[in-house]
């Protein structure tokens, strides 16, 4: 039995993008997702025309995978994963994208997380003198491109 992972040399993250982090972006989570995806594709040297799969995990006002795919103009969507919930769902979104690429279901899958959740203030004993700190970052908008790193070549 081989020690090699079944995805080894079959799928890789080839680009990463993000939007700026802010307390109030002034735009929708769809816009944030599209901006992060564009940045990830630019980083990978790919275009939207290369994308045939989408994967995300979302809660609250996050942009739905089908809406993002339609907004990107993807004509032949071969892989679609829209996971609901937090916690380890981000890992599952990346894993499902890698599985889609490794099995030949898709060639290039974009994965993103877009949310406009505001931080809440909580008292912390080890915090500053006033005992109030943000519980989490105010928002995160990231994307990655998962592709067959042997077969997909930047244009």
N, C-alpha and C. Protein backbone atom coordinates (compact mmCIF):
# COMPACT_ATOMS: atom_id res chain seq x y z
N UNK A 1 0.84 -1.18 0.00
CA UNK A 1 0.00 0.00 0.00
C UNK A 1 0.88 1.24 0.00
N UNK A 2 0.56 2.18 -0.85
CA UNK A 2 1.35 3.40 -0.97
C UNK A 2 1.03 4.38 0.14
N UNK A 3 2.05 5.12 0.57
CA UNK A 3 1.86 6.16 1.58
C UNK A 3 1.39 7.47 0.95
N UNK A 4 1.39 7.55 -0.37
CA UNK A 4 1.02 8.78 -1.06
C UNK A 4 -0.47 9.06 -0.90
N UNK A 5 -0.79 10.31 -0.69
CA UNK A 5 -2.20 10.73 -0.61
C UNK A 5 -2.80 10.63 -2.01
N UNK A 6 -4.07 10.21 -2.13
CA UNK A 6 -4.66 10.04 -3.45
C UNK A 6 -4.77 11.34 -4.26
N UNK A 7 -4.68 12.49 -3.62
CA UNK A 7 -4.74 13.76 -4.35
C UNK A 7 -3.35 14.27 -4.73
N UNK A 8 -2.31 13.63 -4.21
CA UNK A 8 -0.94 14.10 -4.48
C UNK A 8 -0.70 14.14 -5.98
N UNK A 9 -0.16 15.25 -6.44
CA UNK A 9 0.17 15.48 -7.85
C UNK A 9 -1.07 15.47 -8.75
N UNK A 10 -2.26 15.59 -8.17
CA UNK A 10 -3.49 15.62 -8.96
C UNK A 10 -4.28 16.89 -8.75
N UNK A 11 -4.09 17.56 -7.61
CA UNK A 11 -4.80 18.81 -7.32
C UNK A 11 -3.92 19.67 -6.41
N UNK A 12 -3.99 20.98 -6.60
CA UNK A 12 -3.21 21.90 -5.77
C UNK A 12 -3.89 23.26 -5.75
N UNK A 13 -3.62 24.01 -4.71
CA UNK A 13 -4.05 25.41 -4.68
C UNK A 13 -3.02 26.18 -5.50
N UNK A 14 -3.47 26.79 -6.59
CA UNK A 14 -2.54 27.46 -7.50
C UNK A 14 -2.66 28.99 -7.47
N UNK A 15 -3.64 29.51 -6.73
CA UNK A 15 -3.79 30.95 -6.61
C UNK A 15 -4.57 31.30 -5.37
N UNK A 16 -4.26 32.44 -4.78
CA UNK A 16 -4.94 32.91 -3.58
C UNK A 16 -5.23 34.39 -3.76
N UNK A 17 -6.42 34.82 -3.34
CA UNK A 17 -6.78 36.23 -3.42
C UNK A 17 -7.61 36.62 -2.22
N UNK A 18 -7.71 37.91 -1.98
CA UNK A 18 -8.53 38.41 -0.89
C UNK A 18 -8.91 39.86 -1.18
N UNK A 19 -9.92 40.30 -0.48
CA UNK A 19 -10.26 41.72 -0.52
C UNK A 19 -9.63 42.36 0.71
N UNK A 20 -9.73 43.67 0.79
CA UNK A 20 -9.23 44.31 2.00
C UNK A 20 -10.16 43.97 3.16
N UNK A 21 -9.61 43.94 4.33
CA UNK A 21 -10.40 43.70 5.54
C UNK A 21 -10.90 45.04 6.04
N UNK A 22 -12.17 45.10 6.37
CA UNK A 22 -12.75 46.38 6.78
C UNK A 22 -13.88 46.15 7.76
N UNK A 23 -14.26 47.20 8.43
CA UNK A 23 -15.41 47.13 9.33
C UNK A 23 -16.72 47.35 8.58
N UNK A 24 -16.63 48.05 7.46
CA UNK A 24 -17.83 48.30 6.66
C UNK A 24 -17.40 48.51 5.21
N UNK A 25 -17.47 47.44 4.43
CA UNK A 25 -16.99 47.48 3.05
C UNK A 25 -17.89 48.32 2.15
N UNK A 26 -19.17 48.45 2.49
CA UNK A 26 -20.08 49.22 1.67
C UNK A 26 -20.56 48.49 0.42
N UNK A 27 -20.21 47.20 0.28
CA UNK A 27 -20.65 46.41 -0.87
C UNK A 27 -21.21 45.08 -0.38
N UNK A 28 -21.87 44.36 -1.26
CA UNK A 28 -22.49 43.08 -0.91
C UNK A 28 -21.44 41.98 -0.76
N UNK A 29 -21.85 40.87 -0.13
CA UNK A 29 -20.96 39.72 -0.03
C UNK A 29 -20.70 39.13 -1.42
N UNK A 30 -21.65 39.27 -2.34
CA UNK A 30 -21.43 38.81 -3.71
C UNK A 30 -20.29 39.58 -4.34
N UNK A 31 -20.31 40.90 -4.21
CA UNK A 31 -19.23 41.73 -4.76
C UNK A 31 -17.90 41.36 -4.13
N UNK A 32 -17.90 41.16 -2.82
CA UNK A 32 -16.66 40.79 -2.14
C UNK A 32 -16.14 39.44 -2.64
N UNK A 33 -17.04 38.47 -2.81
CA UNK A 33 -16.64 37.16 -3.32
C UNK A 33 -16.05 37.29 -4.72
N UNK A 34 -16.71 38.03 -5.60
CA UNK A 34 -16.23 38.18 -6.97
C UNK A 34 -14.87 38.87 -7.01
N UNK A 35 -14.65 39.87 -6.16
CA UNK A 35 -13.35 40.54 -6.10
C UNK A 35 -12.25 39.60 -5.61
N UNK A 36 -12.55 38.81 -4.59
CA UNK A 36 -11.55 37.87 -4.06
C UNK A 36 -11.24 36.79 -5.10
N UNK A 37 -12.26 36.30 -5.79
CA UNK A 37 -12.05 35.28 -6.82
C UNK A 37 -11.21 35.85 -7.96
N UNK A 38 -11.50 37.06 -8.39
CA UNK A 38 -10.70 37.71 -9.45
C UNK A 38 -9.24 37.80 -9.03
N UNK A 39 -8.99 38.18 -7.78
CA UNK A 39 -7.62 38.29 -7.28
C UNK A 39 -6.93 36.92 -7.26
N UNK A 40 -7.67 35.88 -6.89
CA UNK A 40 -7.10 34.53 -6.86
C UNK A 40 -6.79 34.04 -8.28
N UNK A 41 -7.69 34.30 -9.21
CA UNK A 41 -7.43 33.92 -10.60
C UNK A 41 -6.24 34.67 -11.17
N UNK A 42 -6.15 35.96 -10.87
CA UNK A 42 -4.99 36.75 -11.31
C UNK A 42 -3.70 36.17 -10.75
N UNK A 43 -3.73 35.80 -9.47
CA UNK A 43 -2.56 35.22 -8.81
C UNK A 43 -2.14 33.90 -9.49
N UNK A 44 -3.12 33.14 -9.96
CA UNK A 44 -2.86 31.86 -10.61
C UNK A 44 -2.51 32.01 -12.09
N UNK A 45 -2.72 33.20 -12.64
CA UNK A 45 -2.50 33.40 -14.07
C UNK A 45 -3.60 32.77 -14.91
N UNK A 46 -4.79 32.66 -14.34
CA UNK A 46 -5.94 32.06 -15.02
C UNK A 46 -7.03 33.10 -15.21
N UNK A 47 -8.07 32.74 -15.97
CA UNK A 47 -9.21 33.62 -16.18
C UNK A 47 -10.48 32.88 -15.79
N UNK A 48 -11.58 33.60 -15.75
CA UNK A 48 -12.88 33.00 -15.45
C UNK A 48 -13.20 31.91 -16.46
N UNK A 49 -12.73 32.04 -17.69
CA UNK A 49 -12.98 31.03 -18.71
C UNK A 49 -12.39 29.67 -18.33
N UNK A 50 -11.40 29.64 -17.46
CA UNK A 50 -10.79 28.39 -17.01
C UNK A 50 -11.61 27.69 -15.92
N UNK A 51 -12.51 28.41 -15.28
CA UNK A 51 -13.24 27.90 -14.12
C UNK A 51 -14.43 27.04 -14.55
N UNK A 52 -14.50 25.83 -13.99
CA UNK A 52 -15.66 24.97 -14.25
C UNK A 52 -16.23 24.40 -12.96
N UNK A 53 -15.82 24.97 -11.82
CA UNK A 53 -16.35 24.52 -10.54
C UNK A 53 -16.30 25.61 -9.50
N UNK A 54 -17.24 25.55 -8.56
CA UNK A 54 -17.30 26.51 -7.45
C UNK A 54 -17.52 25.75 -6.15
N UNK A 55 -16.96 26.28 -5.08
CA UNK A 55 -17.15 25.68 -3.76
C UNK A 55 -17.04 26.77 -2.70
N UNK A 56 -17.95 26.75 -1.74
CA UNK A 56 -17.89 27.72 -0.65
C UNK A 56 -18.54 27.14 0.59
N UNK A 57 -18.28 27.79 1.70
CA UNK A 57 -19.06 27.52 2.91
C UNK A 57 -19.59 28.86 3.35
N UNK A 58 -20.82 28.86 3.81
CA UNK A 58 -21.44 30.15 4.10
C UNK A 58 -22.38 30.07 5.28
N UNK A 59 -22.62 31.22 5.84
CA UNK A 59 -23.63 31.46 6.87
C UNK A 59 -24.16 32.86 6.65
N UNK A 60 -25.28 33.17 7.26
CA UNK A 60 -25.80 34.53 7.22
C UNK A 60 -26.00 35.06 5.81
N UNK A 61 -25.36 36.21 5.52
CA UNK A 61 -25.58 36.89 4.25
C UNK A 61 -24.57 36.51 3.17
N UNK A 62 -23.88 35.39 3.33
CA UNK A 62 -22.89 34.97 2.35
C UNK A 62 -23.52 34.72 0.98
N UNK A 63 -22.73 34.94 -0.07
CA UNK A 63 -23.20 34.73 -1.44
C UNK A 63 -23.29 33.24 -1.76
N UNK A 64 -24.41 32.83 -2.32
CA UNK A 64 -24.62 31.43 -2.69
C UNK A 64 -23.73 31.03 -3.86
N UNK A 65 -23.28 29.79 -3.86
CA UNK A 65 -22.38 29.30 -4.91
C UNK A 65 -23.01 29.43 -6.30
N UNK A 66 -24.29 29.10 -6.44
CA UNK A 66 -24.94 29.18 -7.75
C UNK A 66 -25.00 30.62 -8.26
N UNK A 67 -25.22 31.56 -7.35
CA UNK A 67 -25.27 32.98 -7.73
C UNK A 67 -23.89 33.47 -8.15
N UNK A 68 -22.86 33.04 -7.43
CA UNK A 68 -21.49 33.43 -7.78
C UNK A 68 -21.12 32.85 -9.14
N UNK A 69 -21.44 31.58 -9.38
CA UNK A 69 -21.14 30.95 -10.67
C UNK A 69 -21.83 31.70 -11.81
N UNK A 70 -23.10 32.05 -11.60
CA UNK A 70 -23.83 32.79 -12.62
C UNK A 70 -23.23 34.18 -12.84
N UNK A 71 -22.85 34.85 -11.75
CA UNK A 71 -22.27 36.18 -11.85
C UNK A 71 -20.91 36.17 -12.53
N UNK A 72 -20.17 35.08 -12.37
CA UNK A 72 -18.88 34.93 -13.05
C UNK A 72 -19.07 34.64 -14.54
N UNK A 73 -20.26 34.18 -14.92
CA UNK A 73 -20.53 33.85 -16.32
C UNK A 73 -20.06 32.46 -16.70
N UNK A 74 -19.96 31.56 -15.72
CA UNK A 74 -19.52 30.19 -16.01
C UNK A 74 -20.61 29.50 -16.83
N UNK A 75 -20.26 29.02 -18.00
CA UNK A 75 -21.23 28.42 -18.91
C UNK A 75 -21.40 26.91 -18.70
N UNK A 76 -20.33 26.24 -18.31
CA UNK A 76 -20.38 24.79 -18.14
C UNK A 76 -19.91 24.44 -16.73
N UNK A 77 -20.80 24.58 -15.77
CA UNK A 77 -20.48 24.31 -14.37
C UNK A 77 -20.49 22.81 -14.14
N UNK A 78 -19.32 22.26 -13.88
CA UNK A 78 -19.20 20.82 -13.72
C UNK A 78 -19.14 20.38 -12.26
N UNK A 79 -18.86 21.32 -11.36
CA UNK A 79 -18.75 20.99 -9.93
C UNK A 79 -19.33 22.14 -9.11
N UNK A 80 -20.21 21.81 -8.18
CA UNK A 80 -20.88 22.82 -7.37
C UNK A 80 -20.98 22.31 -5.94
N UNK A 81 -20.36 23.02 -5.01
CA UNK A 81 -20.43 22.65 -3.60
C UNK A 81 -20.78 23.91 -2.81
N UNK A 82 -21.90 23.89 -2.14
CA UNK A 82 -22.37 25.02 -1.34
C UNK A 82 -22.65 24.49 0.06
N UNK A 83 -21.68 24.63 0.94
CA UNK A 83 -21.77 24.07 2.28
C UNK A 83 -22.26 25.12 3.26
N UNK A 84 -23.14 24.74 4.15
CA UNK A 84 -23.72 25.66 5.12
C UNK A 84 -23.09 25.42 6.48
N UNK A 85 -22.69 26.49 7.15
CA UNK A 85 -22.19 26.39 8.51
C UNK A 85 -20.76 26.88 8.65
N UNK A 86 -20.33 26.97 9.86
CA UNK A 86 -18.98 27.46 10.14
C UNK A 86 -18.06 26.33 10.56
N UNK A 87 -17.12 26.66 11.41
CA UNK A 87 -16.19 25.66 11.92
C UNK A 87 -15.34 25.04 10.84
N UNK A 88 -15.40 23.73 10.71
CA UNK A 88 -14.54 23.01 9.76
C UNK A 88 -15.07 23.04 8.33
N UNK A 89 -16.15 23.74 8.07
CA UNK A 89 -16.70 23.76 6.71
C UNK A 89 -15.71 24.33 5.70
N UNK A 90 -14.83 25.25 6.13
CA UNK A 90 -13.83 25.79 5.19
C UNK A 90 -12.93 24.68 4.69
N UNK A 91 -12.56 23.76 5.57
CA UNK A 91 -11.73 22.63 5.17
C UNK A 91 -12.48 21.76 4.17
N UNK A 92 -13.76 21.54 4.41
CA UNK A 92 -14.54 20.70 3.51
C UNK A 92 -14.71 21.35 2.13
N UNK A 93 -14.82 22.67 2.08
CA UNK A 93 -14.94 23.35 0.79
C UNK A 93 -13.68 23.14 -0.04
N UNK A 94 -12.52 23.31 0.58
CA UNK A 94 -11.25 23.10 -0.12
C UNK A 94 -11.09 21.62 -0.49
N UNK A 95 -11.43 20.74 0.44
CA UNK A 95 -11.33 19.30 0.18
C UNK A 95 -12.23 18.84 -0.95
N UNK A 96 -13.46 19.35 -1.00
CA UNK A 96 -14.37 18.96 -2.07
C UNK A 96 -13.89 19.49 -3.42
N UNK A 97 -13.28 20.67 -3.42
CA UNK A 97 -12.71 21.21 -4.66
C UNK A 97 -11.55 20.34 -5.13
N UNK A 98 -10.68 19.95 -4.19
CA UNK A 98 -9.55 19.08 -4.55
C UNK A 98 -10.05 17.74 -5.06
N UNK A 99 -11.08 17.19 -4.44
CA UNK A 99 -11.63 15.91 -4.87
C UNK A 99 -12.23 16.03 -6.28
N UNK A 100 -12.93 17.13 -6.55
CA UNK A 100 -13.51 17.33 -7.88
C UNK A 100 -12.41 17.37 -8.95
N UNK A 101 -11.32 18.05 -8.65
CA UNK A 101 -10.21 18.14 -9.61
C UNK A 101 -9.50 16.80 -9.73
N UNK A 102 -9.19 16.16 -8.61
CA UNK A 102 -8.45 14.90 -8.62
C UNK A 102 -9.20 13.78 -9.33
N UNK A 103 -10.52 13.80 -9.27
CA UNK A 103 -11.32 12.74 -9.90
C UNK A 103 -11.71 13.07 -11.34
N UNK A 104 -11.34 14.26 -11.82
CA UNK A 104 -11.67 14.66 -13.18
C UNK A 104 -13.05 15.24 -13.34
N UNK A 105 -13.74 15.45 -12.24
CA UNK A 105 -15.07 16.04 -12.30
C UNK A 105 -15.00 17.49 -12.78
N UNK A 106 -13.92 18.17 -12.43
CA UNK A 106 -13.69 19.56 -12.84
C UNK A 106 -12.19 19.75 -13.06
N UNK A 107 -11.84 20.81 -13.76
CA UNK A 107 -10.43 21.12 -13.99
C UNK A 107 -9.95 22.28 -13.13
N UNK A 108 -10.84 23.22 -12.85
CA UNK A 108 -10.45 24.42 -12.09
C UNK A 108 -11.64 24.87 -11.24
N UNK A 109 -11.49 24.79 -9.93
CA UNK A 109 -12.56 25.12 -9.00
C UNK A 109 -12.14 26.32 -8.15
N UNK A 110 -12.99 27.33 -8.07
CA UNK A 110 -12.72 28.45 -7.16
C UNK A 110 -13.43 28.17 -5.84
N UNK A 111 -12.74 28.47 -4.76
CA UNK A 111 -13.25 28.28 -3.41
C UNK A 111 -13.19 29.64 -2.72
N UNK A 112 -14.25 30.03 -2.04
CA UNK A 112 -14.22 31.32 -1.37
C UNK A 112 -15.03 31.29 -0.09
N UNK A 113 -14.81 32.32 0.70
CA UNK A 113 -15.59 32.60 1.91
C UNK A 113 -15.82 34.09 1.91
N UNK A 114 -17.04 34.50 1.91
CA UNK A 114 -17.37 35.92 1.90
C UNK A 114 -18.47 36.16 2.93
N UNK A 115 -18.19 37.03 3.87
CA UNK A 115 -19.16 37.31 4.92
C UNK A 115 -18.97 38.74 5.42
N UNK A 116 -20.04 39.36 5.81
CA UNK A 116 -19.97 40.71 6.36
C UNK A 116 -20.43 40.70 7.82
N UNK A 117 -19.91 39.78 8.59
CA UNK A 117 -20.27 39.69 10.01
C UNK A 117 -19.45 40.70 10.80
N UNK A 118 -20.11 41.46 11.59
CA UNK A 118 -19.42 42.43 12.43
C UNK A 118 -18.98 41.77 13.73
N UNK A 119 -17.86 42.22 14.24
CA UNK A 119 -17.38 41.69 15.51
C UNK A 119 -18.25 42.19 16.65
N UNK A 120 -18.33 41.39 17.67
CA UNK A 120 -18.98 41.82 18.89
C UNK A 120 -17.89 42.13 19.91
N UNK A 121 -18.17 42.99 20.83
CA UNK A 121 -17.20 43.31 21.86
C UNK A 121 -17.47 42.46 23.08
N UNK A 122 -16.41 41.88 23.62
CA UNK A 122 -16.54 41.05 24.81
C UNK A 122 -15.47 41.47 25.80
N UNK A 123 -15.78 41.31 27.07
CA UNK A 123 -14.80 41.62 28.10
C UNK A 123 -13.82 40.47 28.26
N UNK A 124 -12.55 40.78 28.29
CA UNK A 124 -11.51 39.78 28.46
C UNK A 124 -10.63 40.16 29.64
N UNK A 125 -10.41 39.22 30.53
CA UNK A 125 -9.60 39.51 31.71
C UNK A 125 -8.17 39.87 31.33
N UNK A 126 -7.66 39.30 30.24
CA UNK A 126 -6.29 39.57 29.84
C UNK A 126 -6.20 40.68 28.80
N UNK A 127 -7.31 41.36 28.53
CA UNK A 127 -7.35 42.40 27.51
C UNK A 127 -6.80 43.71 28.02
N UNK A 128 -7.02 44.77 27.26
CA UNK A 128 -6.54 46.09 27.66
C UNK A 128 -7.22 46.56 28.95
N UNK A 129 -6.80 47.68 29.41
CA UNK A 129 -7.27 48.19 30.70
C UNK A 129 -8.79 48.25 30.80
N UNK A 130 -9.48 48.58 29.70
CA UNK A 130 -10.94 48.66 29.77
C UNK A 130 -11.59 47.29 29.66
N UNK A 131 -10.82 46.24 29.40
CA UNK A 131 -11.36 44.88 29.36
C UNK A 131 -12.22 44.56 28.16
N UNK A 132 -12.17 45.38 27.09
CA UNK A 132 -13.02 45.15 25.92
C UNK A 132 -12.13 45.00 24.68
N UNK A 133 -12.35 43.91 23.96
CA UNK A 133 -11.64 43.67 22.70
C UNK A 133 -12.60 43.04 21.71
N UNK A 134 -12.31 43.19 20.42
CA UNK A 134 -13.13 42.47 19.44
C UNK A 134 -12.95 40.97 19.61
N UNK A 135 -14.05 40.23 19.44
CA UNK A 135 -14.00 38.78 19.57
C UNK A 135 -13.42 38.13 18.31
N UNK A 136 -13.53 38.78 17.16
CA UNK A 136 -13.03 38.22 15.91
C UNK A 136 -12.81 39.36 14.93
N UNK A 137 -12.14 39.05 13.82
CA UNK A 137 -11.97 40.08 12.81
C UNK A 137 -13.34 40.47 12.27
N UNK A 138 -13.45 41.69 11.79
CA UNK A 138 -14.76 42.18 11.39
C UNK A 138 -15.29 41.53 10.13
N UNK A 139 -14.42 41.15 9.22
CA UNK A 139 -14.90 40.46 8.03
C UNK A 139 -13.73 39.79 7.34
N UNK A 140 -14.02 38.76 6.60
CA UNK A 140 -12.99 38.05 5.85
C UNK A 140 -13.54 37.69 4.48
N UNK A 141 -12.79 37.97 3.46
CA UNK A 141 -13.20 37.71 2.09
C UNK A 141 -12.00 37.12 1.38
N UNK A 142 -11.94 35.81 1.27
CA UNK A 142 -10.79 35.15 0.68
C UNK A 142 -11.23 34.18 -0.40
N UNK A 143 -10.34 33.85 -1.28
CA UNK A 143 -10.63 32.88 -2.33
C UNK A 143 -9.36 32.13 -2.69
N UNK A 144 -9.52 30.93 -3.18
CA UNK A 144 -8.41 30.13 -3.66
C UNK A 144 -8.83 29.43 -4.95
N UNK A 145 -7.88 29.13 -5.78
CA UNK A 145 -8.13 28.39 -7.01
C UNK A 145 -7.48 27.02 -6.85
N UNK A 146 -8.27 25.98 -6.97
CA UNK A 146 -7.76 24.61 -6.90
C UNK A 146 -7.81 24.04 -8.31
N UNK A 147 -6.67 23.56 -8.77
CA UNK A 147 -6.60 23.03 -10.14
C UNK A 147 -5.60 21.90 -10.21
N UNK A 148 -5.66 21.17 -11.32
CA UNK A 148 -4.67 20.13 -11.60
C UNK A 148 -3.37 20.86 -11.89
N UNK A 149 -2.45 20.84 -10.94
CA UNK A 149 -1.24 21.65 -11.09
C UNK A 149 -0.30 21.10 -12.15
N UNK A 150 -0.53 19.92 -12.65
CA UNK A 150 0.28 19.41 -13.75
C UNK A 150 -0.34 19.75 -15.09
N UNK A 151 -1.68 19.74 -15.17
CA UNK A 151 -2.36 19.98 -16.43
C UNK A 151 -2.74 21.43 -16.68
N UNK A 152 -3.02 22.20 -15.62
CA UNK A 152 -3.42 23.59 -15.79
C UNK A 152 -2.18 24.47 -15.85
N UNK A 153 -2.02 25.17 -16.88
CA UNK A 153 -0.87 26.07 -17.03
C UNK A 153 -1.39 27.48 -17.20
N UNK A 154 -0.78 28.44 -16.50
CA UNK A 154 -1.21 29.83 -16.69
C UNK A 154 -1.09 30.25 -18.15
N UNK A 155 -1.98 31.13 -18.56
CA UNK A 155 -1.96 31.63 -19.95
C UNK A 155 -0.95 32.74 -20.09
